[in-house]
PDB file of N, CA and C in Angstrom:
ATOM      1  N   MET A   1      49.732  21.257  -6.166  1.00  0.00           N
ATOM      2  CA  MET A   1      48.744  20.862  -7.144  1.00  0.00           C
ATOM      3  C   MET A   1      48.087  22.083  -7.754  1.00  0.00           C
ATOM      4  N   THR A   2      47.737  21.956  -9.009  1.00  0.00           N
ATOM      5  CA  THR A   2      47.103  23.084  -9.677  1.00  0.00           C
ATOM      6  C   THR A   2      45.613  23.125  -9.363  1.00  0.00           C
ATOM      7  N   ARG A   3      45.090  24.312  -9.452  1.00  0.00           N
ATOM      8  CA  ARG A   3      43.679  24.504  -9.150  1.00  0.00           C
ATOM      9  C   ARG A   3      42.838  24.137 -10.375  1.00  0.00           C
ATOM     10  N   VAL A   4      41.733  23.429 -10.121  1.00  0.00           N
ATOM     11  CA  VAL A   4      40.822  23.057 -11.194  1.00  0.00           C
ATOM     12  C   VAL A   4      39.485  23.727 -10.916  1.00  0.00           C
ATOM     13  N   LYS A   5      39.029  24.508 -11.876  1.00  0.00           N
ATOM     14  CA  LYS A   5      37.797  25.272 -11.665  1.00  0.00           C
ATOM     15  C   LYS A   5      36.546  24.536 -12.146  1.00  0.00           C
ATOM     16  N   ARG A   6      36.712  23.457 -12.883  1.00  0.00           N
ATOM     17  CA  ARG A   6      35.643  22.556 -13.342  1.00  0.00           C
ATOM     18  C   ARG A   6      34.792  23.130 -14.470  1.00  0.00           C
ATOM     19  N   GLY A   7      34.633  24.417 -14.547  1.00  0.00           N
ATOM     20  CA  GLY A   7      33.956  25.037 -15.684  1.00  0.00           C
ATOM     21  C   GLY A   7      32.529  24.561 -15.902  1.00  0.00           C
ATOM     22  N   TYR A   8      32.202  24.269 -17.166  1.00  0.00           N
ATOM     23  CA  TYR A   8      30.825  23.952 -17.533  1.00  0.00           C
ATOM     24  C   TYR A   8      30.376  22.580 -17.007  1.00  0.00           C
ATOM     25  N   VAL A   9      31.300  21.690 -16.694  1.00  0.00           N
ATOM     26  CA  VAL A   9      30.947  20.359 -16.210  1.00  0.00           C
ATOM     27  C   VAL A   9      30.208  20.461 -14.881  1.00  0.00           C
ATOM     28  N   ALA A  10      30.763  21.231 -13.951  1.00  0.00           N
ATOM     29  CA  ALA A  10      30.129  21.383 -12.638  1.00  0.00           C
ATOM     30  C   ALA A  10      28.804  22.126 -12.770  1.00  0.00           C
ATOM     31  N   ARG A  11      28.776  23.130 -13.642  1.00  0.00           N
ATOM     32  CA  ARG A  11      27.540  23.894 -13.825  1.00  0.00           C
ATOM     33  C   ARG A  11      26.440  22.992 -14.389  1.00  0.00           C
ATOM     34  N   LYS A  12      26.807  22.136 -15.314  1.00  0.00           N
ATOM     35  CA  LYS A  12      25.836  21.220 -15.911  1.00  0.00           C
ATOM     36  C   LYS A  12      25.294  20.235 -14.868  1.00  0.00           C
ATOM     37  N   ARG A  13      26.184  19.695 -14.028  1.00  0.00           N
ATOM     38  CA  ARG A  13      25.770  18.747 -12.988  1.00  0.00           C
ATOM     39  C   ARG A  13      24.837  19.415 -11.993  1.00  0.00           C
ATOM     40  N   ARG A  14      25.218  20.613 -11.560  1.00  0.00           N
ATOM     41  CA  ARG A  14      24.379  21.326 -10.588  1.00  0.00           C
ATOM     42  C   ARG A  14      23.038  21.712 -11.190  1.00  0.00           C
ATOM     43  N   LYS A  15      23.052  22.102 -12.439  1.00  0.00           N
ATOM     44  CA  LYS A  15      21.816  22.493 -13.112  1.00  0.00           C
ATOM     45  C   LYS A  15      20.864  21.293 -13.228  1.00  0.00           C
ATOM     46  N   ASN A  16      21.423  20.123 -13.526  1.00  0.00           N
ATOM     47  CA  ASN A  16      20.592  18.927 -13.619  1.00  0.00           C
ATOM     48  C   ASN A  16      19.938  18.603 -12.281  1.00  0.00           C
ATOM     49  N   ILE A  17      20.692  18.726 -11.212  1.00  0.00           N
ATOM     50  CA  ILE A  17      20.149  18.433  -9.885  1.00  0.00           C
ATOM     51  C   ILE A  17      19.088  19.464  -9.517  1.00  0.00           C
ATOM     52  N   LEU A  18      19.316  20.720  -9.848  1.00  0.00           N
ATOM     53  CA  LEU A  18      18.313  21.750  -9.576  1.00  0.00           C
ATOM     54  C   LEU A  18      17.057  21.530 -10.415  1.00  0.00           C
ATOM     55  N   MET A  19      17.219  21.006 -11.621  1.00  0.00           N
ATOM     56  CA  MET A  19      16.055  20.713 -12.455  1.00  0.00           C
ATOM     57  C   MET A  19      15.228  19.568 -11.840  1.00  0.00           C
ATOM     58  N   LEU A  20      15.910  18.569 -11.280  1.00  0.00           N
ATOM     59  CA  LEU A  20      15.202  17.439 -10.676  1.00  0.00           C
ATOM     60  C   LEU A  20      14.381  17.869  -9.467  1.00  0.00           C
ATOM     61  N   THR A  21      14.888  18.856  -8.729  1.00  0.00           N
ATOM     62  CA  THR A  21      14.197  19.282  -7.510  1.00  0.00           C
ATOM     63  C   THR A  21      13.383  20.554  -7.727  1.00  0.00           C
ATOM     64  N   SER A  22      13.039  20.849  -8.965  1.00  0.00           N
ATOM     65  CA  SER A  22      12.367  22.124  -9.249  1.00  0.00           C
ATOM     66  C   SER A  22      10.980  22.218  -8.626  1.00  0.00           C
ATOM     67  N   GLY A  23      10.355  21.103  -8.292  1.00  0.00           N
ATOM     68  CA  GLY A  23       9.021  21.154  -7.709  1.00  0.00           C
ATOM     69  C   GLY A  23       9.014  21.337  -6.207  1.00  0.00           C
ATOM     70  N   SER A  24      10.186  21.325  -5.592  1.00  0.00           N
ATOM     71  CA  SER A  24      10.258  21.442  -4.138  1.00  0.00           C
ATOM     72  C   SER A  24      10.024  22.879  -3.699  1.00  0.00           C
ATOM     73  N   ARG A  25       9.765  23.045  -2.406  1.00  0.00           N
ATOM     74  CA  ARG A  25       9.457  24.370  -1.875  1.00  0.00           C
ATOM     75  C   ARG A  25      10.705  25.036  -1.316  1.00  0.00           C
ATOM     76  N   GLY A  26      10.723  26.336  -1.380  1.00  0.00           N
ATOM     77  CA  GLY A  26      11.771  27.133  -0.748  1.00  0.00           C
ATOM     78  C   GLY A  26      13.150  26.883  -1.327  1.00  0.00           C
ATOM     79  N   THR A  27      14.143  26.846  -0.440  1.00  0.00           N
ATOM     80  CA  THR A  27      15.522  26.689  -0.904  1.00  0.00           C
ATOM     81  C   THR A  27      15.813  25.281  -1.400  1.00  0.00           C
ATOM     82  N   HIS A  28      14.893  24.350  -1.180  1.00  0.00           N
ATOM     83  CA  HIS A  28      15.098  22.988  -1.665  1.00  0.00           C
ATOM     84  C   HIS A  28      15.099  22.930  -3.181  1.00  0.00           C
ATOM     85  N   SER A  29      14.646  23.980  -3.823  1.00  0.00           N
ATOM     86  CA  SER A  29      14.693  24.013  -5.288  1.00  0.00           C
ATOM     87  C   SER A  29      15.602  25.121  -5.813  1.00  0.00           C
ATOM     88  N   LYS A  30      16.181  25.927  -4.917  1.00  0.00           N
ATOM     89  CA  LYS A  30      16.980  27.074  -5.360  1.00  0.00           C
ATOM     90  C   LYS A  30      18.479  26.899  -5.101  1.00  0.00           C
ATOM     91  N   LEU A  31      18.838  26.442  -3.916  1.00  0.00           N
ATOM     92  CA  LEU A  31      20.241  26.328  -3.544  1.00  0.00           C
ATOM     93  C   LEU A  31      20.726  24.897  -3.766  1.00  0.00           C
ATOM     94  N   PHE A  32      21.938  24.783  -4.301  1.00  0.00           N
ATOM     95  CA  PHE A  32      22.422  23.465  -4.719  1.00  0.00           C
ATOM     96  C   PHE A  32      22.557  22.483  -3.564  1.00  0.00           C
ATOM     97  N   ARG A  33      23.144  22.910  -2.464  1.00  0.00           N
ATOM     98  CA  ARG A  33      23.402  21.963  -1.374  1.00  0.00           C
ATOM     99  C   ARG A  33      22.113  21.352  -0.823  1.00  0.00           C
ATOM    100  N   THR A  34      21.150  22.211  -0.539  1.00  0.00           N
ATOM    101  CA  THR A  34      19.887  21.693   0.005  1.00  0.00           C
ATOM    102  C   THR A  34      19.114  20.929  -1.068  1.00  0.00           C
ATOM    103  N   ALA A  35      19.220  21.398  -2.307  1.00  0.00           N
ATOM    104  CA  ALA A  35      18.529  20.708  -3.393  1.00  0.00           C
ATOM    105  C   ALA A  35      19.115  19.317  -3.604  1.00  0.00           C
ATOM    106  N   ASN A  36      20.412  19.196  -3.480  1.00  0.00           N
ATOM    107  CA  ASN A  36      21.066  17.895  -3.638  1.00  0.00           C
ATOM    108  C   ASN A  36      20.598  16.926  -2.556  1.00  0.00           C
ATOM    109  N   GLN A  37      20.544  17.391  -1.312  1.00  0.00           N
ATOM    110  CA  GLN A  37      20.058  16.550  -0.224  1.00  0.00           C
ATOM    111  C   GLN A  37      18.597  16.156  -0.441  1.00  0.00           C
ATOM    112  N   GLN A  38      17.813  17.121  -0.880  1.00  0.00           N
ATOM    113  CA  GLN A  38      16.392  16.869  -1.105  1.00  0.00           C
ATOM    114  C   GLN A  38      16.193  15.860  -2.236  1.00  0.00           C
ATOM    115  N   GLY A  39      17.018  15.977  -3.270  1.00  0.00           N
ATOM    116  CA  GLY A  39      16.934  15.042  -4.389  1.00  0.00           C
ATOM    117  C   GLY A  39      17.267  13.625  -3.969  1.00  0.00           C
ATOM    118  N   LEU A  40      18.300  13.460  -3.143  1.00  0.00           N
ATOM    119  CA  LEU A  40      18.666  12.128  -2.659  1.00  0.00           C
ATOM    120  C   LEU A  40      17.564  11.549  -1.778  1.00  0.00           C
ATOM    121  N   LYS A  41      16.993  12.400  -0.945  1.00  0.00           N
ATOM    122  CA  LYS A  41      15.908  11.939  -0.072  1.00  0.00           C
ATOM    123  C   LYS A  41      14.680  11.553  -0.892  1.00  0.00           C
ATOM    124  N   ALA A  42      14.401  12.322  -1.940  1.00  0.00           N
ATOM    125  CA  ALA A  42      13.254  12.030  -2.801  1.00  0.00           C
ATOM    126  C   ALA A  42      13.427  10.693  -3.512  1.00  0.00           C
ATOM    127  N   LEU A  43      14.642  10.421  -3.977  1.00  0.00           N
ATOM    128  CA  LEU A  43      14.900   9.145  -4.651  1.00  0.00           C
ATOM    129  C   LEU A  43      14.729   7.970  -3.687  1.00  0.00           C
ATOM    130  N   ALA A  44      15.214   8.139  -2.470  1.00  0.00           N
ATOM    131  CA  ALA A  44      15.070   7.072  -1.468  1.00  0.00           C
ATOM    132  C   ALA A  44      13.592   6.842  -1.144  1.00  0.00           C
ATOM    133  N   SER A  45      12.843   7.928  -0.988  1.00  0.00           N
ATOM    134  CA  SER A  45      11.416   7.811  -0.683  1.00  0.00           C
ATOM    135  C   SER A  45      10.673   7.168  -1.845  1.00  0.00           C
ATOM    136  N   SER A  46      11.058   7.525  -3.053  1.00  0.00           N
ATOM    137  CA  SER A  46      10.417   6.975  -4.238  1.00  0.00           C
ATOM    138  C   SER A  46      10.597   5.472  -4.297  1.00  0.00           C
ATOM    139  N   ASN A  47      11.812   5.009  -4.057  1.00  0.00           N
ATOM    140  CA  ASN A  47      12.099   3.578  -4.072  1.00  0.00           C
ATOM    141  C   ASN A  47      11.310   2.850  -2.996  1.00  0.00           C
ATOM    142  N   ARG A  48      11.286   3.425  -1.807  1.00  0.00           N
ATOM    143  CA  ARG A  48      10.555   2.810  -0.689  1.00  0.00           C
ATOM    144  C   ARG A  48       9.059   2.728  -1.002  1.00  0.00           C
ATOM    145  N   ASN A  49       8.500   3.813  -1.534  1.00  0.00           N
ATOM    146  CA  ASN A  49       7.072   3.849  -1.800  1.00  0.00           C
ATOM    147  C   ASN A  49       6.675   2.945  -2.955  1.00  0.00           C
ATOM    148  N   ASN A  50       7.562   2.795  -3.950  1.00  0.00           N
ATOM    149  CA  ASN A  50       7.271   1.868  -5.040  1.00  0.00           C
ATOM    150  C   ASN A  50       7.170   0.445  -4.527  1.00  0.00           C
ATOM    151  N   ASN A  51       8.089   0.061  -3.649  1.00  0.00           N
ATOM    152  CA  ASN A  51       8.046  -1.283  -3.081  1.00  0.00           C
ATOM    153  C   ASN A  51       6.809  -1.472  -2.206  1.00  0.00           C
ATOM    154  N   GLU A  52       6.445  -0.427  -1.468  1.00  0.00           N
ATOM    155  CA  GLU A  52       5.258  -0.506  -0.616  1.00  0.00           C
ATOM    156  C   GLU A  52       3.990  -0.642  -1.461  1.00  0.00           C
ATOM    157  N   ARG A  53       3.945   0.073  -2.587  1.00  0.00           N
ATOM    158  CA  ARG A  53       2.789  -0.006  -3.477  1.00  0.00           C
ATOM    159  C   ARG A  53       2.635  -1.421  -4.039  1.00  0.00           C
ATOM    160  N   LYS A  54       3.757  -2.052  -4.393  1.00  0.00           N
ATOM    161  CA  LYS A  54       3.706  -3.429  -4.904  1.00  0.00           C
ATOM    162  C   LYS A  54       3.137  -4.375  -3.851  1.00  0.00           C
ATOM    163  N   ARG A  55       3.570  -4.197  -2.598  1.00  0.00           N
ATOM    164  CA  ARG A  55       3.050  -5.025  -1.500  1.00  0.00           C
ATOM    165  C   ARG A  55       1.551  -4.831  -1.328  1.00  0.00           C
ATOM    166  N   ASN A  56       1.131  -3.560  -1.346  1.00  0.00           N
ATOM    167  CA  ASN A  56      -0.282  -3.257  -1.123  1.00  0.00           C
ATOM    168  C   ASN A  56      -1.165  -3.806  -2.233  1.00  0.00           C
ATOM    169  N   LEU A  57      -0.685  -3.720  -3.473  1.00  0.00           N
ATOM    170  CA  LEU A  57      -1.483  -4.234  -4.584  1.00  0.00           C
ATOM    171  C   LEU A  57      -1.623  -5.747  -4.506  1.00  0.00           C
ATOM    172  N   ARG A  58      -0.545  -6.431  -4.155  1.00  0.00           N
ATOM    173  CA  ARG A  58      -0.624  -7.889  -4.021  1.00  0.00           C
ATOM    174  C   ARG A  58      -1.623  -8.271  -2.925  1.00  0.00           C
ATOM    175  N   ASN A  59      -1.593  -7.549  -1.800  1.00  0.00           N
ATOM    176  CA  ASN A  59      -2.557  -7.810  -0.728  1.00  0.00           C
ATOM    177  C   ASN A  59      -3.987  -7.569  -1.206  1.00  0.00           C
ATOM    178  N   LEU A  60      -4.198  -6.518  -1.990  1.00  0.00           N
ATOM    179  CA  LEU A  60      -5.524  -6.207  -2.515  1.00  0.00           C
ATOM    180  C   LEU A  60      -6.017  -7.316  -3.434  1.00  0.00           C
ATOM    181  N   TRP A  61      -5.130  -7.828  -4.309  1.00  0.00           N
ATOM    182  CA  TRP A  61      -5.511  -8.912  -5.208  1.00  0.00           C
ATOM    183  C   TRP A  61      -5.918 -10.151  -4.422  1.00  0.00           C
ATOM    184  N   ILE A  62      -5.170 -10.449  -3.366  1.00  0.00           N
ATOM    185  CA  ILE A  62      -5.467 -11.631  -2.559  1.00  0.00           C
ATOM    186  C   ILE A  62      -6.812 -11.474  -1.847  1.00  0.00           C
ATOM    187  N   ILE A  63      -7.079 -10.281  -1.331  1.00  0.00           N
ATOM    188  CA  ILE A  63      -8.353 -10.020  -0.655  1.00  0.00           C
ATOM    189  C   ILE A  63      -9.517 -10.172  -1.625  1.00  0.00           C
ATOM    190  N   ARG A  64      -9.365  -9.622  -2.816  1.00  0.00           N
ATOM    191  CA  ARG A  64     -10.422  -9.718  -3.823  1.00  0.00           C
ATOM    192  C   ARG A  64     -10.664 -11.168  -4.237  1.00  0.00           C
ATOM    193  N   LEU A  65      -9.570 -11.899  -4.431  1.00  0.00           N
ATOM    194  CA  LEU A  65      -9.703 -13.312  -4.815  1.00  0.00           C
ATOM    195  C   LEU A  65     -10.372 -14.124  -3.716  1.00  0.00           C
ATOM    196  N   ASN A  66      -9.997 -13.884  -2.491  1.00  0.00           N
ATOM    197  CA  ASN A  66     -10.573 -14.616  -1.369  1.00  0.00           C
ATOM    198  C   ASN A  66     -12.075 -14.373  -1.287  1.00  0.00           C
ATOM    199  N   ALA A  67     -12.482 -13.114  -1.456  1.00  0.00           N
ATOM    200  CA  ALA A  67     -13.905 -12.785  -1.396  1.00  0.00           C
ATOM    201  C   ALA A  67     -14.666 -13.448  -2.548  1.00  0.00           C
ATOM    202  N   ALA A  68     -14.072 -13.415  -3.733  1.00  0.00           N
ATOM    203  CA  ALA A  68     -14.754 -13.976  -4.905  1.00  0.00           C
ATOM    204  C   ALA A  68     -14.823 -15.499  -4.841  1.00  0.00           C
ATOM    205  N   THR A  69     -13.754 -16.137  -4.363  1.00  0.00           N
ATOM    206  CA  THR A  69     -13.756 -17.600  -4.332  1.00  0.00           C
ATOM    207  C   THR A  69     -14.618 -18.150  -3.202  1.00  0.00           C
ATOM    208  N   ARG A  70     -14.771 -17.402  -2.134  1.00  0.00           N
ATOM    209  CA  ARG A  70     -15.642 -17.869  -1.047  1.00  0.00           C
ATOM    210  C   ARG A  70     -17.103 -17.899  -1.494  1.00  0.00           C
ATOM    211  N   ASP A  71     -17.461 -17.057  -2.467  1.00  0.00           N
ATOM    212  CA  ASP A  71     -18.809 -17.128  -3.035  1.00  0.00           C
ATOM    213  C   ASP A  71     -19.021 -18.439  -3.779  1.00  0.00           C
ATOM    214  N   ASN A  72     -17.918 -19.027  -4.262  1.00  0.00           N
ATOM    215  CA  ASN A  72     -17.994 -20.304  -4.985  1.00  0.00           C
ATOM    216  C   ASN A  72     -17.749 -21.507  -4.071  1.00  0.00           C
ATOM    217  N   GLY A  73     -17.682 -21.269  -2.774  1.00  0.00           N
ATOM    218  CA  GLY A  73     -17.559 -22.359  -1.816  1.00  0.00           C
ATOM    219  C   GLY A  73     -16.151 -22.904  -1.653  1.00  0.00           C
ATOM    220  N   ILE A  74     -15.166 -22.105  -1.915  1.00  0.00           N
ATOM    221  CA  ILE A  74     -13.772 -22.542  -1.789  1.00  0.00           C
ATOM    222  C   ILE A  74     -12.980 -21.377  -1.210  1.00  0.00           C
ATOM    223  N   SER A  75     -11.919 -21.666  -0.480  1.00  0.00           N
ATOM    224  CA  SER A  75     -11.114 -20.593   0.088  1.00  0.00           C
ATOM    225  C   SER A  75      -9.989 -20.224  -0.877  1.00  0.00           C
ATOM    226  N   TYR A  76      -9.385 -19.090  -0.630  1.00  0.00           N
ATOM    227  CA  TYR A  76      -8.265 -18.628  -1.460  1.00  0.00           C
ATOM    228  C   TYR A  76      -7.111 -19.623  -1.408  1.00  0.00           C
ATOM    229  N   ASN A  77      -6.862 -20.145  -0.227  1.00  0.00           N
ATOM    230  CA  ASN A  77      -5.778 -21.092  -0.023  1.00  0.00           C
ATOM    231  C   ASN A  77      -5.962 -22.331  -0.915  1.00  0.00           C
ATOM    232  N   LYS A  78      -7.165 -22.859  -0.940  1.00  0.00           N
ATOM    233  CA  LYS A  78      -7.459 -24.035  -1.764  1.00  0.00           C
ATOM    234  C   LYS A  78      -7.374 -23.696  -3.246  1.00  0.00           C
ATOM    235  N   LEU A  79      -7.804 -22.497  -3.611  1.00  0.00           N
ATOM    236  CA  LEU A  79      -7.732 -22.077  -5.011  1.00  0.00           C
ATOM    237  C   LEU A  79      -6.298 -22.099  -5.510  1.00  0.00           C
ATOM    238  N   ILE A  80      -5.395 -21.518  -4.761  1.00  0.00           N
ATOM    239  CA  ILE A  80      -3.984 -21.479  -5.155  1.00  0.00           C
ATOM    240  C   ILE A  80      -3.409 -22.899  -5.190  1.00  0.00           C
ATOM    241  N   LEU A  81      -3.784 -23.726  -4.223  1.00  0.00           N
ATOM    242  CA  LEU A  81      -3.319 -25.111  -4.194  1.00  0.00           C
ATOM    243  C   LEU A  81      -3.762 -25.867  -5.451  1.00  0.00           C
ATOM    244  N   TYR A  82      -5.034 -25.745  -5.811  1.00  0.00           N
ATOM    245  CA  TYR A  82      -5.547 -26.438  -6.994  1.00  0.00           C
ATOM    246  C   TYR A  82      -4.927 -25.899  -8.279  1.00  0.00           C
ATOM    247  N   LEU A  83      -4.673 -24.598  -8.313  1.00  0.00           N
ATOM    248  CA  LEU A  83      -4.033 -24.025  -9.508  1.00  0.00           C
ATOM    249  C   LEU A  83      -2.639 -24.611  -9.706  1.00  0.00           C
ATOM    250  N   TYR A  84      -1.880 -24.721  -8.622  1.00  0.00           N
ATOM    251  CA  TYR A  84      -0.534 -25.287  -8.724  1.00  0.00           C
ATOM    252  C   TYR A  84      -0.580 -26.767  -9.088  1.00  0.00           C
ATOM    253  N   ARG A  85      -1.505 -27.497  -8.488  1.00  0.00           N
ATOM    254  CA  ARG A  85      -1.605 -28.937  -8.780  1.00  0.00           C
ATOM    255  C   ARG A  85      -1.959 -29.203 -10.233  1.00  0.00           C
ATOM    256  N   ASN A  86      -2.844 -28.376 -10.791  1.00  0.00           N
ATOM    257  CA  ASN A  86      -3.271 -28.553 -12.180  1.00  0.00           C
ATOM    258  C   ASN A  86      -2.373 -27.840 -13.179  1.00  0.00           C
ATOM    259  N   LYS A  87      -1.295 -27.252 -12.663  1.00  0.00           N
ATOM    260  CA  LYS A  87      -0.306 -26.549 -13.499  1.00  0.00           C
ATOM    261  C   LYS A  87      -0.947 -25.449 -14.361  1.00  0.00           C
ATOM    262  N   ILE A  88      -1.853 -24.710 -13.749  1.00  0.00           N
ATOM    263  CA  ILE A  88      -2.480 -23.570 -14.417  1.00  0.00           C
ATOM    264  C   ILE A  88      -1.702 -22.321 -14.029  1.00  0.00           C
ATOM    265  N   ILE A  89      -1.190 -21.631 -15.018  1.00  0.00           N
ATOM    266  CA  ILE A  89      -0.324 -20.474 -14.755  1.00  0.00           C
ATOM    267  C   ILE A  89      -1.151 -19.197 -14.915  1.00  0.00           C
ATOM    268  N   LEU A  90      -1.829 -18.834 -13.858  1.00  0.00           N
ATOM    269  CA  LEU A  90      -2.541 -17.557 -13.795  1.00  0.00           C
ATOM    270  C   LEU A  90      -2.085 -16.862 -12.526  1.00  0.00           C
ATOM    271  N   ASN A  91      -1.545 -15.658 -12.671  1.00  0.00           N
ATOM    272  CA  ASN A  91      -1.073 -14.978 -11.466  1.00  0.00           C
ATOM    273  C   ASN A  91      -2.231 -14.301 -10.741  1.00  0.00           C
ATOM    274  N   ARG A  92      -1.940 -13.799  -9.567  1.00  0.00           N
ATOM    275  CA  ARG A  92      -2.982 -13.238  -8.712  1.00  0.00           C
ATOM    276  C   ARG A  92      -3.611 -11.986  -9.312  1.00  0.00           C
ATOM    277  N   LYS A  93      -2.818 -11.213 -10.028  1.00  0.00           N
ATOM    278  CA  LYS A  93      -3.345  -9.994 -10.647  1.00  0.00           C
ATOM    279  C   LYS A  93      -4.413 -10.343 -11.683  1.00  0.00           C
ATOM    280  N   ILE A  94      -4.112 -11.287 -12.549  1.00  0.00           N
ATOM    281  CA  ILE A  94      -5.058 -11.682 -13.590  1.00  0.00           C
ATOM    282  C   ILE A  94      -6.302 -12.309 -12.978  1.00  0.00           C
ATOM    283  N   LEU A  95      -6.105 -13.164 -11.989  1.00  0.00           N
ATOM    284  CA  LEU A  95      -7.250 -13.782 -11.327  1.00  0.00           C
ATOM    285  C   LEU A  95      -8.142 -12.747 -10.655  1.00  0.00           C
ATOM    286  N   ALA A  96      -7.530 -11.742 -10.038  1.00  0.00           N
ATOM    287  CA  ALA A  96      -8.317 -10.683  -9.393  1.00  0.00           C
ATOM    288  C   ALA A  96      -9.102  -9.878 -10.425  1.00  0.00           C
ATOM    289  N   GLN A  97      -8.493  -9.627 -11.579  1.00  0.00           N
ATOM    290  CA  GLN A  97      -9.214  -8.917 -12.641  1.00  0.00           C
ATOM    291  C   GLN A  97     -10.378  -9.743 -13.163  1.00  0.00           C
ATOM    292  N   ILE A  98     -10.158 -11.044 -13.313  1.00  0.00           N
ATOM    293  CA  ILE A  98     -11.248 -11.932 -13.735  1.00  0.00           C
ATOM    294  C   ILE A  98     -12.355 -11.920 -12.692  1.00  0.00           C
ATOM    295  N   ALA A  99     -11.975 -11.919 -11.407  1.00  0.00           N
ATOM    296  CA  ALA A  99     -12.962 -11.914 -10.330  1.00  0.00           C
ATOM    297  C   ALA A  99     -13.831 -10.664 -10.364  1.00  0.00           C
ATOM    298  N   ILE A 100     -13.239  -9.541 -10.726  1.00  0.00           N
ATOM    299  CA  ILE A 100     -13.998  -8.289 -10.750  1.00  0.00           C
ATOM    300  C   ILE A 100     -14.833  -8.162 -12.021  1.00  0.00           C
ATOM    301  N   LEU A 101     -14.201  -8.444 -13.160  1.00  0.00           N
ATOM    302  CA  LEU A 101     -14.850  -8.178 -14.440  1.00  0.00           C
ATOM    303  C   LEU A 101     -15.765  -9.297 -14.919  1.00  0.00           C
ATOM    304  N   ASP A 102     -15.455 -10.548 -14.561  1.00  0.00           N
ATOM    305  CA  ASP A 102     -16.228 -11.668 -15.087  1.00  0.00           C
ATOM    306  C   ASP A 102     -16.314 -12.779 -14.043  1.00  0.00           C
ATOM    307  N   ARG A 103     -17.268 -12.656 -13.144  1.00  0.00           N
ATOM    308  CA  ARG A 103     -17.426 -13.632 -12.059  1.00  0.00           C
ATOM    309  C   ARG A 103     -17.752 -15.029 -12.593  1.00  0.00           C
ATOM    310  N   LEU A 104     -18.481 -15.087 -13.696  1.00  0.00           N
ATOM    311  CA  LEU A 104     -18.862 -16.376 -14.266  1.00  0.00           C
ATOM    312  C   LEU A 104     -17.640 -17.177 -14.700  1.00  0.00           C
ATOM    313  N   SER A 105     -16.673 -16.504 -15.308  1.00  0.00           N
ATOM    314  CA  SER A 105     -15.442 -17.184 -15.724  1.00  0.00           C
ATOM    315  C   SER A 105     -14.674 -17.709 -14.521  1.00  0.00           C
ATOM    316  N   LEU A 106     -14.628 -16.918 -13.463  1.00  0.00           N
ATOM    317  CA  LEU A 106     -13.928 -17.362 -12.261  1.00  0.00           C
ATOM    318  C   LEU A 106     -14.603 -18.582 -11.657  1.00  0.00           C
ATOM    319  N   SER A 107     -15.928 -18.576 -11.617  1.00  0.00           N
ATOM    320  CA  SER A 107     -16.626 -19.742 -11.065  1.00  0.00           C
ATOM    321  C   SER A 107     -16.396 -20.975 -11.938  1.00  0.00           C
ATOM    322  N   THR A 108     -16.284 -20.785 -13.251  1.00  0.00           N
ATOM    323  CA  THR A 108     -15.967 -21.905 -14.143  1.00  0.00           C
ATOM    324  C   THR A 108     -14.577 -22.451 -13.862  1.00  0.00           C
ATOM    325  N   ILE A 109     -13.627 -21.559 -13.678  1.00  0.00           N
ATOM    326  CA  ILE A 109     -12.256 -21.974 -13.357  1.00  0.00           C
ATOM    327  C   ILE A 109     -12.231 -22.745 -12.045  1.00  0.00           C
ATOM    328  N   VAL A 110     -12.930 -22.232 -11.040  1.00  0.00           N
ATOM    329  CA  VAL A 110     -12.950 -22.877  -9.723  1.00  0.00           C
ATOM    330  C   VAL A 110     -13.569 -24.272  -9.822  1.00  0.00           C
ATOM    331  N   LYS A 111     -14.671 -24.404 -10.561  1.00  0.00           N
ATOM    332  CA  LYS A 111     -15.322 -25.703 -10.695  1.00  0.00           C
ATOM    333  C   LYS A 111     -14.428 -26.695 -11.427  1.00  0.00           C
ATOM    334  N   ASP A 112     -13.764 -26.233 -12.478  1.00  0.00           N
ATOM    335  CA  ASP A 112     -12.904 -27.131 -13.256  1.00  0.00           C
ATOM    336  C   ASP A 112     -11.728 -27.645 -12.445  1.00  0.00           C
ATOM    337  N   ILE A 113     -11.084 -26.751 -11.697  1.00  0.00           N
ATOM    338  CA  ILE A 113      -9.888 -27.195 -10.972  1.00  0.00           C
ATOM    339  C   ILE A 113     -10.230 -27.975  -9.711  1.00  0.00           C
ATOM    340  N   SER A 114     -11.402 -27.736  -9.136  1.00  0.00           N
ATOM    341  CA  SER A 114     -11.742 -28.460  -7.911  1.00  0.00           C
ATOM    342  C   SER A 114     -12.242 -29.872  -8.203  1.00  0.00           C
ATOM    343  N   LYS A 115     -12.665 -30.147  -9.437  1.00  0.00           N
ATOM    344  CA  LYS A 115     -13.102 -31.492  -9.814  1.00  0.00           C
ATOM    345  C   LYS A 115     -11.930 -32.458  -9.886  1.00  0.00           C
ATOM    346  N   LYS A 116     -10.802 -31.970 -10.415  1.00  0.00           N
ATOM    347  CA  LYS A 116      -9.668 -32.853 -10.699  1.00  0.00           C
ATOM    348  C   LYS A 116      -8.958 -33.312  -9.457  1.00  0.00           C
TER     349      LYS A 116
END
């Protein structure tokens, strides 16, 4: 088989990987092999942390909603139940924002759905 030197294609690929890991310390940003490993590890960590952040935010919204709805004499569980029964499409993020920014609107929503 003939030898293939790869030329500018390999240089371009390696340069891109070194650019991605340019913020790393030591040889993790200078040498291709370690930089490649570091880049793969960074991508895996990024994906894991993004999913963890989504979980944490959802938990925060639920905690905020529970605290706000208990002031209105109803639990979070009942709030979600009444929302589904009345076919009101408000997700937890929006409800949590309403709870923080406009408590009066949230209490109006709670009163309206608990009557029906």
